[in-house]
Protein backbone atom coordinates (compact mmCIF):
# COMPACT_ATOMS: atom_id res chain seq x y z
CA MET A 1 0.00 0.00 0.00
CA PRO A 2 1.43 3.41 -0.95
CA GLN A 3 2.46 5.69 1.87
CA LYS A 4 0.66 8.98 2.40
CA ARG A 5 2.73 11.99 1.41
CA GLN A 6 3.59 14.47 4.15
CA TRP A 7 3.20 18.03 2.92
CA THR A 8 5.10 20.86 4.58
CA ASP A 9 3.86 24.39 5.16
CA ALA A 10 6.63 25.64 2.86
CA GLN A 11 5.44 23.41 0.03
CA ASP A 12 1.83 24.50 0.57
CA SER A 13 2.85 28.18 0.47
CA GLN A 14 4.90 27.62 -2.65
CA ILE A 15 1.99 25.89 -4.41
CA ARG A 16 -0.37 28.74 -3.49
CA ARG A 17 2.12 31.42 -4.54
CA LEU A 18 3.02 29.78 -7.86
CA ARG A 19 -0.64 29.20 -8.74
CA ALA A 20 -1.47 32.83 -7.89
CA GLU A 21 1.33 33.89 -10.24
CA GLY A 22 -0.28 31.80 -13.00
CA ALA A 23 2.04 28.77 -13.02
CA GLY A 24 0.69 25.49 -14.40
CA TRP A 25 0.63 22.22 -12.50
CA GLU A 26 3.47 20.83 -14.63
CA MET A 27 5.77 23.73 -13.73
CA ILE A 28 4.97 23.51 -10.02
CA ALA A 29 5.57 19.75 -10.07
CA ALA A 30 8.95 20.24 -11.74
CA ILE A 31 9.97 22.91 -9.22
CA LEU A 32 8.97 20.77 -6.23
CA GLY A 33 10.25 17.51 -7.77
CA ILE A 34 6.89 15.81 -7.22
CA SER A 35 4.47 14.17 -9.65
CA ARG A 36 2.01 16.44 -11.41
CA PHE A 37 -0.97 14.47 -10.09
CA ALA A 38 0.22 14.80 -6.47
CA VAL A 39 0.68 18.57 -6.87
CA MET A 40 -2.73 18.93 -8.57
CA ASP A 41 -4.43 16.98 -5.80
CA ARG A 42 -2.74 19.00 -3.05
CA GLY A 43 -3.30 22.32 -4.82
CA ARG A 44 -6.99 21.66 -5.28
CA SER A 45 -7.38 20.64 -1.64
CA LEU A 46 -5.68 23.93 -0.67
CA GLY A 47 -7.96 25.88 -2.99
CA ALA A 48 -4.99 27.14 -5.01
CA ARG A 49 -6.55 28.47 -8.19
CA LYS A 50 -5.06 30.21 -11.17
CA PRO A 51 -6.10 33.85 -11.38
CA VAL A 52 -8.88 34.50 -13.86
CA GLU A 53 -7.53 36.15 -16.98
CA THR A 54 -9.73 39.02 -18.07
CA PRO A 55 -9.64 39.72 -21.79
CA ALA A 56 -8.35 43.09 -22.90
CA PRO A 57 -11.22 45.46 -23.70
CA VAL A 58 -11.91 45.97 -27.37
CA ALA A 59 -11.64 49.59 -28.44
CA GLU A 60 -14.93 50.88 -29.83
CA ASP A 61 -14.93 52.68 -33.15
CA PRO A 62 -16.47 56.09 -32.39
CA GLN A 63 -17.52 56.41 -36.04
CA ARG A 64 -19.54 53.18 -36.22
CA GLU A 65 -23.27 53.19 -36.93
CA PRO A 66 -25.57 52.81 -33.92
CA LEU A 67 -26.67 49.28 -33.09
CA PRO A 68 -30.28 48.43 -33.97
CA ALA A 69 -32.86 47.88 -31.24
CA GLY A 70 -32.49 44.43 -29.72
CA HIS A 71 -28.91 43.87 -30.89
CA PRO A 72 -27.38 41.20 -28.60
CA ARG A 73 -24.58 43.54 -27.44
CA SER A 74 -26.82 46.44 -26.50
CA TRP A 75 -29.63 44.26 -25.14
CA GLY A 76 -27.13 42.30 -23.03
CA ALA A 77 -25.63 45.51 -21.64
CA LEU A 78 -29.09 46.68 -20.62
CA THR A 79 -30.25 43.42 -19.03
CA ASP A 80 -27.11 41.99 -17.36
CA GLY A 81 -27.72 41.62 -13.64
CA THR A 82 -31.50 41.92 -13.96
CA VAL A 83 -34.32 39.36 -14.15
CA LEU A 84 -34.16 39.73 -17.94
CA ALA A 85 -30.52 38.55 -18.13
CA GLY A 86 -30.23 35.85 -20.77
CA GLU A 87 -33.68 36.51 -22.22
CA ALA A 88 -34.09 37.29 -25.90
CA TYR A 89 -35.13 40.75 -27.03
CA PRO A 90 -38.94 40.89 -27.15
CA LEU A 91 -39.75 41.39 -30.79
CA PRO A 92 -42.83 43.52 -31.50
CA VAL A 93 -46.07 41.73 -32.36
CA PHE A 94 -47.93 43.33 -35.23
CA LEU A 95 -51.71 43.01 -35.14
CA ARG A 96 -53.65 42.79 -38.39
């Protein structure tokens, strides 16, 4: 039966720090000289997550034409965080 690995506080801190800096599991495993699976398992139990990468904002063209009513970009900007979030734009119903 395999023996349970004893983790030190220094190793735990190093895993947390490296993950916060954006290092992958392979790199952390190589630095610590431990298998990738062992580092992944320990890192997940510690809650060591990679920081979320936010995409760079796209520069708007100030000369572009206005978006039509109900365009997904404008409708989404209006409804995000409301009860209408994720709902389609209500198209008008024409009566005959």
